[in-house]
C-alpha atoms as a PDB file:
ATOM      1  CA  UNK A   1      63.445  19.902  83.782  1.00  0.00           C
ATOM      2  CA  UNK A   2      66.307  18.531  81.251  1.00  0.00           C
ATOM      3  CA  UNK A   3      69.284  17.000  83.192  1.00  0.00           C
ATOM      4  CA  UNK A   4      72.346  15.537  81.915  1.00  0.00           C
ATOM      5  CA  UNK A   5      74.127  12.433  83.277  1.00  0.00           C
ATOM      6  CA  UNK A   6      77.882  13.127  84.141  1.00  0.00           C
ATOM      7  CA  UNK A   7      80.464  10.970  85.046  1.00  0.00           C
ATOM      8  CA  UNK A   8      82.237  13.404  87.397  1.00  0.00           C
ATOM      9  CA  UNK A   9      81.936  16.931  88.333  1.00  0.00           C
ATOM     10  CA  UNK A  10      83.553  19.705  85.727  1.00  0.00           C
ATOM     11  CA  UNK A  11      87.237  19.686  85.664  1.00  0.00           C
ATOM     12  CA  UNK A  12      89.113  23.145  85.099  1.00  0.00           C
ATOM     13  CA  UNK A  13      92.185  24.157  83.686  1.00  0.00           C
ATOM     14  CA  UNK A  14      92.727  21.252  81.354  1.00  0.00           C
ATOM     15  CA  UNK A  15      95.218  21.869  78.653  1.00  0.00           C
ATOM     16  CA  UNK A  16      94.762  18.610  76.726  1.00  0.00           C
ATOM     17  CA  UNK A  17      91.243  18.647  75.907  1.00  0.00           C
ATOM     18  CA  UNK A  18      91.316  21.639  73.523  1.00  0.00           C
ATOM     19  CA  UNK A  19      93.369  24.735  72.678  1.00  0.00           C
ATOM     20  CA  UNK A  20      93.972  26.889  75.781  1.00  0.00           C
ATOM     21  CA  UNK A  21      92.849  26.339  79.346  1.00  0.00           C
ATOM     22  CA  UNK A  22      89.569  24.350  79.207  1.00  0.00           C
ATOM     23  CA  UNK A  23      86.722  23.403  81.538  1.00  0.00           C
ATOM     24  CA  UNK A  24      85.522  19.891  80.561  1.00  0.00           C
ATOM     25  CA  UNK A  25      82.103  18.564  80.990  1.00  0.00           C
ATOM     26  CA  UNK A  26      82.427  14.787  81.461  1.00  0.00           C
ATOM     27  CA  UNK A  27      79.229  13.023  80.198  1.00  0.00           C
ATOM     28  CA  UNK A  28      78.432   9.682  81.126  1.00  0.00           C
ATOM     29  CA  UNK A  29      77.636   6.695  79.091  1.00  0.00           C
ATOM     30  CA  UNK A  30      79.184   5.546  75.901  1.00  0.00           C
ATOM     31  CA  UNK A  31      78.520   2.604  73.455  1.00  0.00           C
ATOM     32  CA  UNK A  32      81.498   2.688  71.390  1.00  0.00           C
ATOM     33  CA  UNK A  33      83.676   0.510  73.928  1.00  0.00           C
ATOM     34  CA  UNK A  34      86.945   1.325  72.073  1.00  0.00           C
ATOM     35  CA  UNK A  35      89.747  -0.861  72.634  1.00  0.00           C
ATOM     36  CA  UNK A  36      92.245   0.975  74.989  1.00  0.00           C
ATOM     37  CA  UNK A  37      89.610   3.660  76.191  1.00  0.00           C
ATOM     38  CA  UNK A  38      91.089   5.606  78.951  1.00  0.00           C
ATOM     39  CA  UNK A  39      87.763   6.589  80.404  1.00  0.00           C
ATOM     40  CA  UNK A  40      86.360   3.178  81.115  1.00  0.00           C
ATOM     41  CA  UNK A  41      84.455   4.586  84.184  1.00  0.00           C
ATOM     42  CA  UNK A  42      82.457   6.600  81.623  1.00  0.00           C
ATOM     43  CA  UNK A  43      80.889   4.034  79.640  1.00  0.00           C
ATOM     44  CA  UNK A  44      78.140   2.627  81.813  1.00  0.00           C
ATOM     45  CA  UNK A  45      75.044   4.286  80.496  1.00  0.00           C
ATOM     46  CA  UNK A  46      73.295   4.179  84.108  1.00  0.00           C
ATOM     47  CA  UNK A  47      76.687   5.250  85.606  1.00  0.00           C
ATOM     48  CA  UNK A  48      77.637   8.631  87.149  1.00  0.00           C
ATOM     49  CA  UNK A  49      74.856  10.909  88.498  1.00  0.00           C
ATOM     50  CA  UNK A  50      72.201  13.418  87.096  1.00  0.00           C
ATOM     51  CA  UNK A  51      72.621  17.194  87.382  1.00  0.00           C
ATOM     52  CA  UNK A  52      70.459  20.241  86.277  1.00  0.00           C
ATOM     53  CA  UNK A  53      71.424  21.815  83.011  1.00  0.00           C
ATOM     54  CA  UNK A  54      71.473  25.123  84.849  1.00  0.00           C
ATOM     55  CA  UNK A  55      73.791  23.984  87.412  1.00  0.00           C
ATOM     56  CA  UNK A  56      76.175  22.894  84.858  1.00  0.00           C
ATOM     57  CA  UNK A  57      75.945  26.203  83.137  1.00  0.00           C
ATOM     58  CA  UNK A  58      76.441  28.031  86.182  1.00  0.00           C
ATOM     59  CA  UNK A  59      79.375  26.075  87.406  1.00  0.00           C
ATOM     60  CA  UNK A  60      81.007  26.452  83.975  1.00  0.00           C
ATOM     61  CA  UNK A  61      80.622  30.312  83.964  1.00  0.00           C
ATOM     62  CA  UNK A  62      81.990  30.665  87.505  1.00  0.00           C
ATOM     63  CA  UNK A  63      85.372  29.586  86.442  1.00  0.00           C
ATOM     64  CA  UNK A  64      87.784  32.445  85.369  1.00  0.00           C
ATOM     65  CA  UNK A  65      90.547  32.433  83.093  1.00  0.00           C
ATOM     66  CA  UNK A  66      89.193  29.470  80.947  1.00  0.00           C
ATOM     67  CA  UNK A  67      89.581  29.492  77.053  1.00  0.00           C
ATOM     68  CA  UNK A  68      86.251  27.659  76.684  1.00  0.00           C
ATOM     69  CA  UNK A  69      84.340  24.363  77.570  1.00  0.00           C
ATOM     70  CA  UNK A  70      84.874  20.957  76.038  1.00  0.00           C
ATOM     71  CA  UNK A  71      82.141  18.114  76.109  1.00  0.00           C
ATOM     72  CA  UNK A  72      84.034  14.868  76.597  1.00  0.00           C
ATOM     73  CA  UNK A  73      82.991  11.567  78.106  1.00  0.00           C
ATOM     74  CA  UNK A  74      81.637   8.867  77.792  1.00  0.00           C
ATOM     75  CA  UNK A  75      79.963  10.163  74.508  1.00  0.00           C
ATOM     76  CA  UNK A  76      78.088  13.541  74.450  1.00  0.00           C
ATOM     77  CA  UNK A  77      76.312  12.671  71.361  1.00  0.00           C
ATOM     78  CA  UNK A  78      74.225   9.953  73.358  1.00  0.00           C
ATOM     79  CA  UNK A  79      72.800  13.078  75.470  1.00  0.00           C
ATOM     80  CA  UNK A  80      72.368  15.739  72.538  1.00  0.00           C
ATOM     81  CA  UNK A  81      69.117  17.309  73.980  1.00  0.00           C
ATOM     82  CA  UNK A  82      70.794  17.960  77.401  1.00  0.00           C
ATOM     83  CA  UNK A  83      74.329  18.892  75.659  1.00  0.00           C
ATOM     84  CA  UNK A  84      72.240  21.319  73.242  1.00  0.00           C
ATOM     85  CA  UNK A  85      70.713  23.054  76.260  1.00  0.00           C
ATOM     86  CA  UNK A  86      74.043  23.424  77.893  1.00  0.00           C
ATOM     87  CA  UNK A  87      76.053  24.549  74.791  1.00  0.00           C
ATOM     88  CA  UNK A  88      73.348  27.077  73.756  1.00  0.00           C
ATOM     89  CA  UNK A  89      73.348  29.070  76.936  1.00  0.00           C
ATOM     90  CA  UNK A  90      77.139  29.073  76.978  1.00  0.00           C
ATOM     91  CA  UNK A  91      77.474  30.131  73.494  1.00  0.00           C
ATOM     92  CA  UNK A  92      74.965  33.020  74.304  1.00  0.00           C
ATOM     93  CA  UNK A  93      77.552  33.947  77.008  1.00  0.00           C
ATOM     94  CA  UNK A  94      80.367  33.928  74.254  1.00  0.00           C
ATOM     95  CA  UNK A  95      81.920  30.540  75.559  1.00  0.00           C
ATOM     96  CA  UNK A  96      84.176  28.684  72.862  1.00  0.00           C
ATOM     97  CA  UNK A  97      82.959  24.853  72.633  1.00  0.00           C
ATOM     98  CA  UNK A  98      84.728  21.875  71.417  1.00  0.00           C
ATOM     99  CA  UNK A  99      83.379  18.285  71.859  1.00  0.00           C
ATOM    100  CA  UNK A 100      84.887  14.917  71.582  1.00  0.00           C
ATOM    101  CA  UNK A 101      82.715  12.136  69.820  1.00  0.00           C
ATOM    102  CA  UNK A 102      83.232   8.339  68.596  1.00  0.00           C
ATOM    103  CA  UNK A 103      80.757   9.010  65.748  1.00  0.00           C
ATOM    104  CA  UNK A 104      82.053  10.729  62.415  1.00  0.00           C
ATOM    105  CA  UNK A 105      80.821  14.140  61.582  1.00  0.00           C
ATOM    106  CA  UNK A 106      79.091  12.531  58.652  1.00  0.00           C
ATOM    107  CA  UNK A 107      77.068  10.323  60.741  1.00  0.00           C
ATOM    108  CA  UNK A 108      75.940  13.490  63.235  1.00  0.00           C
ATOM    109  CA  UNK A 109      74.738  15.448  60.335  1.00  0.00           C
ATOM    110  CA  UNK A 110      72.311  12.835  59.714  1.00  0.00           C
ATOM    111  CA  UNK A 111      70.690  12.968  63.337  1.00  0.00           C
ATOM    112  CA  UNK A 112      68.359  15.937  63.833  1.00  0.00           C
ATOM    113  CA  UNK A 113      69.039  15.895  67.640  1.00  0.00           C
ATOM    114  CA  UNK A 114      72.822  15.863  67.008  1.00  0.00           C
ATOM    115  CA  UNK A 115      72.502  18.333  64.088  1.00  0.00           C
ATOM    116  CA  UNK A 116      71.165  20.665  66.502  1.00  0.00           C
ATOM    117  CA  UNK A 117      73.951  20.335  69.118  1.00  0.00           C
ATOM    118  CA  UNK A 118      76.593  20.904  66.331  1.00  0.00           C
ATOM    119  CA  UNK A 119      75.162  24.415  65.579  1.00  0.00           C
ATOM    120  CA  UNK A 120      76.840  25.535  69.011  1.00  0.00           C
ATOM    121  CA  UNK A 121      80.026  23.633  68.628  1.00  0.00           C
ATOM    122  CA  UNK A 122      83.120  25.265  67.358  1.00  0.00           C
ATOM    123  CA  UNK A 123      85.601  22.436  67.125  1.00  0.00           C
ATOM    124  CA  UNK A 124      84.601  18.642  66.927  1.00  0.00           C
ATOM    125  CA  UNK A 125      87.186  15.927  67.404  1.00  0.00           C
ATOM    126  CA  UNK A 126      85.366  12.730  65.647  1.00  0.00           C
ATOM    127  CA  UNK A 127      85.887   9.364  64.992  1.00  0.00           C
ATOM    128  CA  UNK A 128      86.394   6.270  67.392  1.00  0.00           C
ATOM    129  CA  UNK A 129      89.803   5.709  69.198  1.00  0.00           C
ATOM    130  CA  UNK A 130      91.636   2.999  67.476  1.00  0.00           C
ATOM    131  CA  UNK A 131      94.246   1.229  69.581  1.00  0.00           C
ATOM    132  CA  UNK A 132      96.448   0.464  66.765  1.00  0.00           C
ATOM    133  CA  UNK A 133      96.515   4.206  65.641  1.00  0.00           C
ATOM    134  CA  UNK A 134      97.404   5.717  68.898  1.00  0.00           C
ATOM    135  CA  UNK A 135     100.068   8.011  69.185  1.00  0.00           C
ATOM    136  CA  UNK A 136     101.361  10.476  71.954  1.00  0.00           C
ATOM    137  CA  UNK A 137     102.547  12.906  69.500  1.00  0.00           C
ATOM    138  CA  UNK A 138      99.071  13.676  68.191  1.00  0.00           C
ATOM    139  CA  UNK A 139      97.603  17.038  69.352  1.00  0.00           C
ATOM    140  CA  UNK A 140      94.185  17.125  71.118  1.00  0.00           C
ATOM    141  CA  UNK A 141      93.270  13.426  69.812  1.00  0.00           C
ATOM    142  CA  UNK A 142      94.186   9.766  70.766  1.00  0.00           C
ATOM    143  CA  UNK A 143      94.593   8.162  67.368  1.00  0.00           C
ATOM    144  CA  UNK A 144      95.626   9.241  63.814  1.00  0.00           C
ATOM    145  CA  UNK A 145      92.197   8.262  62.305  1.00  0.00           C
ATOM    146  CA  UNK A 146      90.213  11.082  64.661  1.00  0.00           C
ATOM    147  CA  UNK A 147      89.671  14.500  62.672  1.00  0.00           C
ATOM    148  CA  UNK A 148      89.818  17.894  64.403  1.00  0.00           C
ATOM    149  CA  UNK A 149      86.998  19.683  62.630  1.00  0.00           C
ATOM    150  CA  UNK A 150      85.969  23.482  62.073  1.00  0.00           C
ATOM    151  CA  UNK A 151      82.321  22.909  62.712  1.00  0.00           C
ATOM    152  CA  UNK A 152      80.974  26.419  61.755  1.00  0.00           C
ATOM    153  CA  UNK A 153      83.037  26.450  58.406  1.00  0.00           C
ATOM    154  CA  UNK A 154      82.076  22.499  58.004  1.00  0.00           C
ATOM    155  CA  UNK A 155      78.394  23.211  58.158  1.00  0.00           C
ATOM    156  CA  UNK A 156      78.693  26.287  56.040  1.00  0.00           C
ATOM    157  CA  UNK A 157      80.503  24.471  53.273  1.00  0.00           C
ATOM    158  CA  UNK A 158      78.540  21.296  53.574  1.00  0.00           C
ATOM    159  CA  UNK A 159      81.777  19.462  53.756  1.00  0.00           C
ATOM    160  CA  UNK A 160      84.320  18.439  56.425  1.00  0.00           C
ATOM    161  CA  UNK A 161      86.835  21.174  56.896  1.00  0.00           C
ATOM    162  CA  UNK A 162      89.637  20.462  59.346  1.00  0.00           C
ATOM    163  CA  UNK A 163      90.744  22.896  62.095  1.00  0.00           C
ATOM    164  CA  UNK A 164      94.078  24.167  62.048  1.00  0.00           C
ATOM    165  CA  UNK A 165      94.796  24.481  66.093  1.00  0.00           C
ATOM    166  CA  UNK A 166      98.023  26.288  65.921  1.00  0.00           C
ATOM    167  CA  UNK A 167      98.566  29.671  64.787  1.00  0.00           C
END
């Protein structure tokens, strides 16, 4: 049975991890080591705890009044098989999916395991956090270099298409 390594239990009612009220899946492990990272506890690849995929899916689906789920961390793309398994089930239930990653969309497109995960993601915030470009005025991202990407449209057009988060 496939398991995922998590940094903590899911968080509900987040308003900073994507549009609307969101449930957040906190993936454990990150190799980017961005200066100024605000989730230092999620970097240890052996930290956190393992949880069954089905338990994560059931926990997310049990939460009411959420706009969707966000994969964060840590680095979700270091666990693409587990994240894909979760995302596939959630997408099958009509859940909107966002994901934060320190990798770029272009890097992920060249990795078959991550490309499969991308098929289930609606919005991707990509790029490493850069402390020199940090701003509290940015919506849904920590530094100005990061992009908010409309993944289905980007895959369709075979180029990055930015997501416009406000109506």
